[in-house]
Amino acid sequence: VSVLVARGVDGESVVYPIAENMHRDGILFVTLAPSPNVTADVAKKAQE
């Protein structure tokens, strides 16, 4: 999964929904958002 997060110079941070990735030959092939497999607990832990 990928967690996309951003932070401003004022310290404000925001986080996007969890995206799930599939690769082929080491290159990203497909991304699904939101992730169909991640549980709420794992998503929360990854975002935190």
All heavy atoms as atom14 arrays in JSON, in Angstrom:
{
  "sequence": "VSVLVARGVDGESVVYPIAENMHRDGILFVTLAPSPNVTADVAKKAQE",
  "atom14_mask": [
    [1, 1, 1, 1, 1, 1, 1, 0, 0, 0, 0, 0, 0, 0],
    [1, 1, 1, 1, 1, 1, 0, 0, 0, 0, 0, 0, 0, 0],
    [1, 1, 1, 1, 1, 1, 1, 0, 0, 0, 0, 0, 0, 0],
    [1, 1, 1, 1, 1, 1, 1, 1, 0, 0, 0, 0, 0, 0],
    [1, 1, 1, 1, 1, 1, 1, 0, 0, 0, 0, 0, 0, 0],
    [1, 1, 1, 1, 1, 0, 0, 0, 0, 0, 0, 0, 0, 0],
    [1, 1, 1, 1, 1, 1, 1, 1, 1, 1, 1, 0, 0, 0],
    [1, 1, 1, 1, 0, 0, 0, 0, 0, 0, 0, 0, 0, 0],
    [1, 1, 1, 1, 1, 1, 1, 0, 0, 0, 0, 0, 0, 0],
    [1, 1, 1, 1, 1, 1, 1, 1, 0, 0, 0, 0, 0, 0],
    [1, 1, 1, 1, 0, 0, 0, 0, 0, 0, 0, 0, 0, 0],
    [1, 1, 1, 1, 1, 1, 1, 1, 1, 0, 0, 0, 0, 0],
    [1, 1, 1, 1, 1, 1, 0, 0, 0, 0, 0, 0, 0, 0],
    [1, 1, 1, 1, 1, 1, 1, 0, 0, 0, 0, 0, 0, 0],
    [1, 1, 1, 1, 1, 1, 1, 0, 0, 0, 0, 0, 0, 0],
    [1, 1, 1, 1, 1, 1, 1, 1, 1, 1, 1, 1, 0, 0],
    [1, 1, 1, 1, 1, 1, 1, 0, 0, 0, 0, 0, 0, 0],
    [1, 1, 1, 1, 1, 1, 1, 1, 0, 0, 0, 0, 0, 0],
    [1, 1, 1, 1, 1, 0, 0, 0, 0, 0, 0, 0, 0, 0],
    [1, 1, 1, 1, 1, 1, 1, 1, 1, 0, 0, 0, 0, 0],
    [1, 1, 1, 1, 1, 1, 1, 1, 0, 0, 0, 0, 0, 0],
    [1, 1, 1, 1, 1, 1, 1, 1, 0, 0, 0, 0, 0, 0],
    [1, 1, 1, 1, 1, 1, 1, 1, 1, 1, 0, 0, 0, 0],
    [1, 1, 1, 1, 1, 1, 1, 1, 1, 1, 1, 0, 0, 0],
    [1, 1, 1, 1, 1, 1, 1, 1, 0, 0, 0, 0, 0, 0],
    [1, 1, 1, 1, 0, 0, 0, 0, 0, 0, 0, 0, 0, 0],
    [1, 1, 1, 1, 1, 1, 1, 1, 0, 0, 0, 0, 0, 0],
    [1, 1, 1, 1, 1, 1, 1, 1, 0, 0, 0, 0, 0, 0],
    [1, 1, 1, 1, 1, 1, 1, 1, 1, 1, 1, 0, 0, 0],
    [1, 1, 1, 1, 1, 1, 1, 0, 0, 0, 0, 0, 0, 0],
    [1, 1, 1, 1, 1, 1, 1, 0, 0, 0, 0, 0, 0, 0],
    [1, 1, 1, 1, 1, 1, 1, 1, 0, 0, 0, 0, 0, 0],
    [1, 1, 1, 1, 1, 0, 0, 0, 0, 0, 0, 0, 0, 0],
    [1, 1, 1, 1, 1, 1, 1, 0, 0, 0, 0, 0, 0, 0],
    [1, 1, 1, 1, 1, 1, 0, 0, 0, 0, 0, 0, 0, 0],
    [1, 1, 1, 1, 1, 1, 1, 0, 0, 0, 0, 0, 0, 0],
    [1, 1, 1, 1, 1, 1, 1, 1, 0, 0, 0, 0, 0, 0],
    [1, 1, 1, 1, 1, 1, 1, 0, 0, 0, 0, 0, 0, 0],
    [1, 1, 1, 1, 1, 1, 1, 0, 0, 0, 0, 0, 0, 0],
    [1, 1, 1, 1, 1, 0, 0, 0, 0, 0, 0, 0, 0, 0],
    [1, 1, 1, 1, 1, 1, 1, 1, 0, 0, 0, 0, 0, 0],
    [1, 1, 1, 1, 1, 1, 1, 0, 0, 0, 0, 0, 0, 0],
    [1, 1, 1, 1, 1, 0, 0, 0, 0, 0, 0, 0, 0, 0],
    [1, 1, 1, 1, 1, 1, 1, 1, 1, 0, 0, 0, 0, 0],
    [1, 1, 1, 1, 1, 1, 1, 1, 1, 0, 0, 0, 0, 0],
    [1, 1, 1, 1, 1, 0, 0, 0, 0, 0, 0, 0, 0, 0],
    [1, 1, 1, 1, 1, 1, 1, 1, 1, 0, 0, 0, 0, 0],
    [1, 1, 1, 1, 1, 1, 1, 1, 1, 0, 0, 0, 0, 0]
  ],
  "atom14_positions": [
    [[0.83, -1.19, 0.0], [0.0, 0.0, 0.0], [0.87, 1.25, 0.0], [2.03, 1.21, 0.44], [-0.96, 0.04, 1.21], [-1.95, -1.1, 1.15], [-0.21, 0.05, 2.53], [0.0, 0.0, 0.0], [0.0, 0.0, 0.0], [0.0, 0.0, 0.0], [0.0, 0.0, 0.0], [0.0, 0.0, 0.0], [0.0, 0.0, 0.0], [0.0, 0.0, 0.0]],
    [[0.31, 2.34, -0.51], [0.97, 3.64, -0.47], [0.17, 4.57, 0.43], [-1.07, 4.58, 0.4], [1.02, 4.27, -1.87], [1.91, 3.6, -2.7], [0.0, 0.0, 0.0], [0.0, 0.0, 0.0], [0.0, 0.0, 0.0], [0.0, 0.0, 0.0], [0.0, 0.0, 0.0], [0.0, 0.0, 0.0], [0.0, 0.0, 0.0], [0.0, 0.0, 0.0]],
    [[0.89, 5.34, 1.21], [0.27, 6.4, 2.0], [0.86, 7.72, 1.53], [2.06, 7.97, 1.66], [0.5, 6.22, 3.5], [-0.19, 7.34, 4.28], [-0.02, 4.86, 3.96], [0.0, 0.0, 0.0], [0.0, 0.0, 0.0], [0.0, 0.0, 0.0], [0.0, 0.0, 0.0], [0.0, 0.0, 0.0], [0.0, 0.0, 0.0], [0.0, 0.0, 0.0]],
    [[0.0, 8.53, 0.97], [0.38, 9.85, 0.48], [0.06, 10.86, 1.57], [-1.09, 10.92, 2.06], [-0.39, 10.15, -0.8], [0.08, 11.28, -1.7], [1.46, 10.95, -2.27], [-0.92, 11.48, -2.83], [0.0, 0.0, 0.0], [0.0, 0.0, 0.0], [0.0, 0.0, 0.0], [0.0, 0.0, 0.0], [0.0, 0.0, 0.0], [0.0, 0.0, 0.0]],
    [[1.05, 11.64, 1.97], [0.89, 12.58, 3.07], [1.54, 13.89, 2.67], [2.49, 13.92, 1.88], [1.48, 11.99, 4.37], [2.97, 11.75, 4.23], [1.17, 12.83, 5.59], [0.0, 0.0, 0.0], [0.0, 0.0, 0.0], [0.0, 0.0, 0.0], [0.0, 0.0, 0.0], [0.0, 0.0, 0.0], [0.0, 0.0, 0.0], [0.0, 0.0, 0.0]],
    [[1.03, 14.99, 3.19], [1.6, 16.31, 2.89], [1.68, 17.11, 4.17], [0.87, 16.94, 5.1], [0.76, 17.05, 1.86], [0.0, 0.0, 0.0], [0.0, 0.0, 0.0], [0.0, 0.0, 0.0], [0.0, 0.0, 0.0], [0.0, 0.0, 0.0], [0.0, 0.0, 0.0], [0.0, 0.0, 0.0], [0.0, 0.0, 0.0], [0.0, 0.0, 0.0]],
    [[2.67, 18.0, 4.21], [2.87, 18.85, 5.39], [3.26, 20.24, 4.96], [4.06, 20.42, 4.03], [3.95, 18.25, 6.3], [4.18, 19.0, 7.62], [5.18, 18.23, 8.47], [5.4, 18.85, 9.77], [6.31, 19.79, 10.01], [7.1, 20.2, 9.02], [6.45, 20.3, 11.21], [0.0, 0.0, 0.0], [0.0, 0.0, 0.0], [0.0, 0.0, 0.0]],
    [[2.65, 21.23, 5.61], [2.97, 22.62, 5.32], [4.04, 23.15, 6.25], [4.39, 22.53, 7.26], [0.0, 0.0, 0.0], [0.0, 0.0, 0.0], [0.0, 0.0, 0.0], [0.0, 0.0, 0.0], [0.0, 0.0, 0.0], [0.0, 0.0, 0.0], [0.0, 0.0, 0.0], [0.0, 0.0, 0.0], [0.0, 0.0, 0.0], [0.0, 0.0, 0.0]],
    [[4.56, 24.33, 5.93], [5.61, 24.93, 6.76], [5.09, 25.29, 8.15], [5.86, 25.42, 9.11], [6.2, 26.17, 6.04], [5.21, 27.33, 6.04], [7.52, 26.59, 6.64], [0.0, 0.0, 0.0], [0.0, 0.0, 0.0], [0.0, 0.0, 0.0], [0.0, 0.0, 0.0], [0.0, 0.0, 0.0], [0.0, 0.0, 0.0], [0.0, 0.0, 0.0]],
    [[3.77, 25.42, 8.27], [3.17, 25.73, 9.57], [2.97, 24.49, 10.43], [2.48, 24.58, 11.56], [1.84, 26.44, 9.38], [0.82, 25.61, 8.63], [1.21, 24.6, 8.0], [-0.37, 25.97, 8.64], [0.0, 0.0, 0.0], [0.0, 0.0, 0.0], [0.0, 0.0, 0.0], [0.0, 0.0, 0.0], [0.0, 0.0, 0.0], [0.0, 0.0, 0.0]],
    [[3.36, 23.32, 9.91], [3.22, 22.08, 10.67], [1.93, 21.34, 10.43], [1.77, 20.21, 10.91], [0.0, 0.0, 0.0], [0.0, 0.0, 0.0], [0.0, 0.0, 0.0], [0.0, 0.0, 0.0], [0.0, 0.0, 0.0], [0.0, 0.0, 0.0], [0.0, 0.0, 0.0], [0.0, 0.0, 0.0], [0.0, 0.0, 0.0], [0.0, 0.0, 0.0]],
    [[1.0, 21.92, 9.67], [-0.24, 21.21, 9.36], [0.08, 20.03, 8.44], [0.82, 20.16, 7.47], [-1.23, 22.14, 8.64], [-2.51, 21.44, 8.23], [-3.36, 22.24, 7.26], [-2.9, 23.31, 6.81], [-4.47, 21.79, 6.94], [0.0, 0.0, 0.0], [0.0, 0.0, 0.0], [0.0, 0.0, 0.0], [0.0, 0.0, 0.0], [0.0, 0.0, 0.0]],
    [[-0.51, 18.87, 8.74], [-0.32, 17.68, 7.92], [-1.67, 17.09, 7.52], [-2.63, 17.14, 8.29], [0.49, 16.61, 8.67], [1.8, 17.06, 8.94], [0.0, 0.0, 0.0], [0.0, 0.0, 0.0], [0.0, 0.0, 0.0], [0.0, 0.0, 0.0], [0.0, 0.0, 0.0], [0.0, 0.0, 0.0], [0.0, 0.0, 0.0], [0.0, 0.0, 0.0]],
    [[-1.72, 16.54, 6.32], [-2.93, 15.88, 5.82], [-2.51, 14.56, 5.19], [-1.4, 14.42, 4.67], [-3.69, 16.74, 4.8], [-4.25, 17.99, 5.45], [-2.8, 17.12, 3.62], [0.0, 0.0, 0.0], [0.0, 0.0, 0.0], [0.0, 0.0, 0.0], [0.0, 0.0, 0.0], [0.0, 0.0, 0.0], [0.0, 0.0, 0.0], [0.0, 0.0, 0.0]],
    [[-3.41, 13.58, 5.23], [-3.1, 12.26, 4.7], [-4.23, 11.8, 3.78], [-5.41, 12.06, 4.06], [-2.83, 11.25, 5.84], [-4.05, 11.05, 6.72], [-2.33, 9.93, 5.29], [0.0, 0.0, 0.0], [0.0, 0.0, 0.0], [0.0, 0.0, 0.0], [0.0, 0.0, 0.0], [0.0, 0.0, 0.0], [0.0, 0.0, 0.0], [0.0, 0.0, 0.0]],
    [[-3.88, 11.13, 2.7], [-4.86, 10.65, 1.72], [-5.32, 9.24, 2.08], [-4.7, 8.55, 2.88], [-4.22, 10.63, 0.32], [-4.1, 11.99, -0.33], [-3.0, 12.81, -0.06], [-5.07, 12.46, -1.21], [-2.88, 14.05, -0.66], [-4.96, 13.7, -1.81], [-3.87, 14.49, -1.54], [-3.75, 15.73, -2.13], [0.0, 0.0, 0.0], [0.0, 0.0, 0.0]],
    [[-6.42, 8.79, 1.47], [-6.85, 7.4, 1.66], [-5.76, 6.42, 1.24], [-4.91, 6.73, 0.4], [-8.08, 7.29, 0.74], [-8.58, 8.69, 0.57], [-7.35, 9.55, 0.6], [0.0, 0.0, 0.0], [0.0, 0.0, 0.0], [0.0, 0.0, 0.0], [0.0, 0.0, 0.0], [0.0, 0.0, 0.0], [0.0, 0.0, 0.0], [0.0, 0.0, 0.0]],
    [[-5.8, 5.22, 1.82], [-4.82, 4.19, 1.5], [-5.04, 3.67, 0.08], [-6.15, 3.3, -0.29], [-4.93, 3.01, 2.48], [-4.74, 3.48, 3.93], [-3.93, 1.92, 2.12], [-3.34, 3.89, 4.27], [0.0, 0.0, 0.0], [0.0, 0.0, 0.0], [0.0, 0.0, 0.0], [0.0, 0.0, 0.0], [0.0, 0.0, 0.0], [0.0, 0.0, 0.0]],
    [[-3.97, 3.63, -0.7], [-4.01, 3.08, -2.05], [-3.24, 1.77, -2.08], [-2.22, 1.62, -1.39], [-3.4, 4.07, -3.05], [0.0, 0.0, 0.0], [0.0, 0.0, 0.0], [0.0, 0.0, 0.0], [0.0, 0.0, 0.0], [0.0, 0.0, 0.0], [0.0, 0.0, 0.0], [0.0, 0.0, 0.0], [0.0, 0.0, 0.0], [0.0, 0.0, 0.0]],
    [[-3.72, 0.83, -2.87], [-3.07, -0.49, -2.98], [-2.42, -0.62, -4.35], [-3.01, -0.24, -5.37], [-4.1, -1.59, -2.79], [-3.51, -2.99, -2.8], [-4.54, -4.06, -2.46], [-5.46, -3.78, -1.65], [-4.43, -5.18, -3.01], [0.0, 0.0, 0.0], [0.0, 0.0, 0.0], [0.0, 0.0, 0.0], [0.0, 0.0, 0.0], [0.0, 0.0, 0.0]],
    [[-1.2, -1.16, -4.38], [-0.4, -1.2, -5.61], [-0.14, -2.62, -6.08], [0.05, -3.53, -5.27], [0.95, -0.52, -5.39], [0.81, 0.93, -4.97], [-0.06, 1.64, -5.45], [1.65, 1.37, -4.05], [0.0, 0.0, 0.0], [0.0, 0.0, 0.0], [0.0, 0.0, 0.0], [0.0, 0.0, 0.0], [0.0, 0.0, 0.0], [0.0, 0.0, 0.0]],
    [[-0.12, -2.77, -7.4], [0.31, -4.01, -8.03], [1.45, -3.67, -8.98], [1.35, -2.7, -9.74], [-0.84, -4.65, -8.82], [-2.04, -5.02, -7.97], [-3.47, -5.51, -8.98], [-2.79, -6.92, -9.84], [0.0, 0.0, 0.0], [0.0, 0.0, 0.0], [0.0, 0.0, 0.0], [0.0, 0.0, 0.0], [0.0, 0.0, 0.0], [0.0, 0.0, 0.0]],
    [[2.54, -4.46, -8.94], [3.71, -4.2, -9.77], [3.92, -5.32, -10.79], [3.51, -6.46, -10.57], [4.98, -4.08, -8.9], [5.0, -2.86, -8.05], [4.32, -2.78, -6.85], [5.63, -1.67, -8.21], [4.53, -1.58, -6.32], [5.32, -0.89, -7.11], [0.0, 0.0, 0.0], [0.0, 0.0, 0.0], [0.0, 0.0, 0.0], [0.0, 0.0, 0.0]],
    [[4.6, -4.95, -11.88], [5.09, -5.92, -12.85], [6.5, -5.53, -13.24], [6.75, -4.37, -13.62], [4.2, -5.97, -14.1], [2.91, -6.75, -13.9], [2.15, -6.92, -15.18], [0.92, -7.68, -14.95], [-0.07, -7.76, -15.81], [0.02, -7.14, -16.99], [-1.15, -8.46, -15.52], [0.0, 0.0, 0.0], [0.0, 0.0, 0.0], [0.0, 0.0, 0.0]],
    [[7.42, -6.49, -13.14], [8.82, -6.25, -13.51], [9.4, -5.05, -12.77], [10.19, -4.27, -13.32], [8.97, -6.06, -15.02], [8.5, -7.28, -15.8], [8.75, -8.41, -15.34], [7.88, -7.1, -16.87], [0.0, 0.0, 0.0], [0.0, 0.0, 0.0], [0.0, 0.0, 0.0], [0.0, 0.0, 0.0], [0.0, 0.0, 0.0], [0.0, 0.0, 0.0]],
    [[8.98, -4.88, -11.51], [9.52, -3.81, -10.69], [8.94, -2.44, -10.95], [9.35, -1.46, -10.34], [0.0, 0.0, 0.0], [0.0, 0.0, 0.0], [0.0, 0.0, 0.0], [0.0, 0.0, 0.0], [0.0, 0.0, 0.0], [0.0, 0.0, 0.0], [0.0, 0.0, 0.0], [0.0, 0.0, 0.0], [0.0, 0.0, 0.0], [0.0, 0.0, 0.0]],
    [[7.97, -2.34, -11.86], [7.35, -1.07, -12.2], [5.88, -1.1, -11.79], [5.2, -2.12, -11.99], [7.46, -0.78, -13.72], [8.93, -0.72, -14.13], [6.77, 0.53, -14.09], [9.13, -0.57, -15.64], [0.0, 0.0, 0.0], [0.0, 0.0, 0.0], [0.0, 0.0, 0.0], [0.0, 0.0, 0.0], [0.0, 0.0, 0.0], [0.0, 0.0, 0.0]],
    [[5.38, -0.01, -11.24], [3.97, 0.05, -10.85], [3.08, -0.23, -12.05], [3.23, 0.37, -13.11], [3.64, 1.42, -10.26], [2.22, 1.59, -9.72], [1.97, 0.67, -8.53], [1.96, 3.04, -9.33], [0.0, 0.0, 0.0], [0.0, 0.0, 0.0], [0.0, 0.0, 0.0], [0.0, 0.0, 0.0], [0.0, 0.0, 0.0], [0.0, 0.0, 0.0]],
    [[2.15, -1.15, -11.89], [1.22, -1.55, -12.95], [-0.16, -0.94, -12.72], [-0.7, -0.23, -13.57], [1.15, -3.08, -12.99], [0.09, -3.66, -13.88], [-0.12, -3.18, -15.16], [-0.71, -4.71, -13.44], [-1.09, -3.72, -15.99], [-1.68, -5.27, -14.25], [-1.87, -4.77, -15.53], [0.0, 0.0, 0.0], [0.0, 0.0, 0.0], [0.0, 0.0, 0.0]],
    [[-0.74, -1.2, -11.55], [-2.09, -0.73, -11.24], [-2.13, -0.23, -9.8], [-1.49, -0.81, -8.91], [-3.12, -1.87, -11.42], [-4.47, -1.5, -10.81], [-3.29, -2.23, -12.89], [0.0, 0.0, 0.0], [0.0, 0.0, 0.0], [0.0, 0.0, 0.0], [0.0, 0.0, 0.0], [0.0, 0.0, 0.0], [0.0, 0.0, 0.0], [0.0, 0.0, 0.0]],
    [[-2.87, 0.84, -9.57], [-3.18, 1.31, -8.22], [-4.69, 1.31, -8.04], [-5.43, 1.75, -8.93], [-2.63, 2.72, -7.98], [-1.2, 2.68, -7.99], [-3.09, 3.28, -6.64], [0.0, 0.0, 0.0], [0.0, 0.0, 0.0], [0.0, 0.0, 0.0], [0.0, 0.0, 0.0], [0.0, 0.0, 0.0], [0.0, 0.0, 0.0], [0.0, 0.0, 0.0]],
    [[-5.15, 0.81, -6.89], [-6.56, 0.81, -6.55], [-6.76, 1.7, -5.33], [-6.04, 1.56, -4.33], [-7.05, -0.6, -6.24], [-6.83, -1.67, -7.31], [-5.52, -2.42, -7.05], [-7.99, -2.65, -7.34], [0.0, 0.0, 0.0], [0.0, 0.0, 0.0], [0.0, 0.0, 0.0], [0.0, 0.0, 0.0], [0.0, 0.0, 0.0], [0.0, 0.0, 0.0]],
    [[-7.71, 2.62, -5.43], [-7.95, 3.53, -4.31], [-9.46, 3.74, -4.12], [-10.13, 4.14, -5.07], [-7.27, 4.88, -4.58], [0.0, 0.0, 0.0], [0.0, 0.0, 0.0], [0.0, 0.0, 0.0], [0.0, 0.0, 0.0], [0.0, 0.0, 0.0], [0.0, 0.0, 0.0], [0.0, 0.0, 0.0], [0.0, 0.0, 0.0], [0.0, 0.0, 0.0]],
    [[-9.97, 3.45, -2.95], [-9.23, 2.98, -1.78], [-8.84, 1.51, -1.91], [-9.42, 0.78, -2.71], [-10.23, 3.19, -0.64], [-11.57, 3.06, -1.29], [-11.4, 3.65, -2.66], [0.0, 0.0, 0.0], [0.0, 0.0, 0.0], [0.0, 0.0, 0.0], [0.0, 0.0, 0.0], [0.0, 0.0, 0.0], [0.0, 0.0, 0.0], [0.0, 0.0, 0.0]],
    [[-7.87, 1.08, -1.11], [-7.43, -0.3, -1.13], [-8.59, -1.23, -0.8], [-9.29, -1.03, 0.2], [-6.31, -0.52, -0.11], [-6.09, -1.9, 0.11], [0.0, 0.0, 0.0], [0.0, 0.0, 0.0], [0.0, 0.0, 0.0], [0.0, 0.0, 0.0], [0.0, 0.0, 0.0], [0.0, 0.0, 0.0], [0.0, 0.0, 0.0], [0.0, 0.0, 0.0]],
    [[-8.81, -2.26, -1.62], [-9.91, -3.18, -1.34], [-9.6, -4.2, -0.25], [-10.5, -4.88, 0.24], [-10.13, -3.87, -2.69], [-8.79, -3.85, -3.33], [-8.14, -2.57, -2.9], [0.0, 0.0, 0.0], [0.0, 0.0, 0.0], [0.0, 0.0, 0.0], [0.0, 0.0, 0.0], [0.0, 0.0, 0.0], [0.0, 0.0, 0.0], [0.0, 0.0, 0.0]],
    [[-8.33, -4.32, 0.13], [-7.93, -5.37, 1.06], [-7.56, -4.88, 2.45], [-7.64, -5.64, 3.41], [-6.75, -6.15, 0.47], [-7.15, -6.97, -0.74], [-8.07, -7.78, -0.68], [-6.46, -6.76, -1.86], [0.0, 0.0, 0.0], [0.0, 0.0, 0.0], [0.0, 0.0, 0.0], [0.0, 0.0, 0.0], [0.0, 0.0, 0.0], [0.0, 0.0, 0.0]],
    [[-7.13, -3.65, 2.56], [-6.61, -3.18, 3.84], [-7.75, -3.09, 4.87], [-8.86, -2.66, 4.55], [-5.91, -1.82, 3.67], [-6.9, -0.69, 3.4], [-5.04, -1.49, 4.87], [0.0, 0.0, 0.0], [0.0, 0.0, 0.0], [0.0, 0.0, 0.0], [0.0, 0.0, 0.0], [0.0, 0.0, 0.0], [0.0, 0.0, 0.0], [0.0, 0.0, 0.0]],
    [[-7.46, -3.52, 6.08], [-8.45, -3.41, 7.15], [-8.41, -2.02, 7.76], [-7.43, -1.27, 7.6], [-8.17, -4.45, 8.25], [-6.91, -4.13, 8.88], [-8.12, -5.86, 7.68], [0.0, 0.0, 0.0], [0.0, 0.0, 0.0], [0.0, 0.0, 0.0], [0.0, 0.0, 0.0], [0.0, 0.0, 0.0], [0.0, 0.0, 0.0], [0.0, 0.0, 0.0]],
    [[-9.46, -1.67, 8.47], [-9.51, -0.35, 9.1], [-8.36, -0.16, 10.09], [-7.77, 0.92, 10.17], [-10.86, -0.17, 9.8], [0.0, 0.0, 0.0], [0.0, 0.0, 0.0], [0.0, 0.0, 0.0], [0.0, 0.0, 0.0], [0.0, 0.0, 0.0], [0.0, 0.0, 0.0], [0.0, 0.0, 0.0], [0.0, 0.0, 0.0], [0.0, 0.0, 0.0]],
    [[-8.03, -1.22, 10.83], [-6.95, -1.11, 11.82], [-5.6, -0.89, 11.14], [-4.79, -0.06, 11.58], [-6.9, -2.37, 12.68], [-8.04, -2.45, 13.68], [-8.7, -1.41, 13.89], [-8.28, -3.53, 14.22], [0.0, 0.0, 0.0], [0.0, 0.0, 0.0], [0.0, 0.0, 0.0], [0.0, 0.0, 0.0], [0.0, 0.0, 0.0], [0.0, 0.0, 0.0]],
    [[-5.32, -1.66, 10.07], [-4.05, -1.51, 9.37], [-3.98, -0.15, 8.69], [-2.93, 0.51, 8.69], [-3.85, -2.65, 8.34], [-2.63, -2.38, 7.46], [-3.68, -3.98, 9.07], [0.0, 0.0, 0.0], [0.0, 0.0, 0.0], [0.0, 0.0, 0.0], [0.0, 0.0, 0.0], [0.0, 0.0, 0.0], [0.0, 0.0, 0.0], [0.0, 0.0, 0.0]],
    [[-5.09, 0.31, 8.09], [-5.12, 1.62, 7.44], [-4.81, 2.72, 8.44], [-4.01, 3.63, 8.17], [-6.49, 1.86, 6.8], [0.0, 0.0, 0.0], [0.0, 0.0, 0.0], [0.0, 0.0, 0.0], [0.0, 0.0, 0.0], [0.0, 0.0, 0.0], [0.0, 0.0, 0.0], [0.0, 0.0, 0.0], [0.0, 0.0, 0.0], [0.0, 0.0, 0.0]],
    [[-5.42, 2.64, 9.61], [-5.19, 3.65, 10.65], [-3.73, 3.64, 11.09], [-3.1, 4.7, 11.25], [-6.11, 3.38, 11.84], [-6.01, 4.38, 12.98], [-7.09, 4.09, 14.02], [-7.08, 5.14, 15.14], [-5.92, 5.02, 16.01], [0.0, 0.0, 0.0], [0.0, 0.0, 0.0], [0.0, 0.0, 0.0], [0.0, 0.0, 0.0], [0.0, 0.0, 0.0]],
    [[-3.17, 2.43, 11.27], [-1.77, 2.32, 11.71], [-0.82, 2.89, 10.66], [0.14, 3.59, 10.99], [-1.44, 0.86, 11.99], [-0.11, 0.66, 12.71], [0.05, -0.78, 13.18], [1.32, -0.94, 14.03], [1.47, -2.33, 14.53], [0.0, 0.0, 0.0], [0.0, 0.0, 0.0], [0.0, 0.0, 0.0], [0.0, 0.0, 0.0], [0.0, 0.0, 0.0]],
    [[-1.1, 2.62, 9.36], [-0.24, 3.12, 8.29], [-0.33, 4.64, 8.19], [0.7, 5.32, 8.03], [-0.64, 2.48, 6.96], [0.0, 0.0, 0.0], [0.0, 0.0, 0.0], [0.0, 0.0, 0.0], [0.0, 0.0, 0.0], [0.0, 0.0, 0.0], [0.0, 0.0, 0.0], [0.0, 0.0, 0.0], [0.0, 0.0, 0.0], [0.0, 0.0, 0.0]],
    [[-1.53, 5.18, 8.29], [-1.68, 6.64, 8.19], [-1.04, 7.34, 9.38], [-0.38, 8.38, 9.21], [-3.16, 7.0, 8.08], [-3.77, 6.62, 6.72], [-5.25, 6.9, 6.65], [-5.99, 6.69, 7.63], [-5.72, 7.38, 5.52], [0.0, 0.0, 0.0], [0.0, 0.0, 0.0], [0.0, 0.0, 0.0], [0.0, 0.0, 0.0], [0.0, 0.0, 0.0]],
    [[-1.19, 6.78, 10.57], [-0.57, 7.39, 11.74], [0.95, 7.32, 11.66], [1.64, 8.26, 12.04], [-1.08, 6.7, 13.01], [-2.53, 7.04, 13.34], [-3.04, 6.32, 14.58], [-2.34, 5.39, 15.05], [-4.12, 6.68, 15.07], [0.0, 0.0, 0.0], [0.0, 0.0, 0.0], [0.0, 0.0, 0.0], [0.0, 0.0, 0.0], [0.0, 0.0, 0.0]]
  ]
}
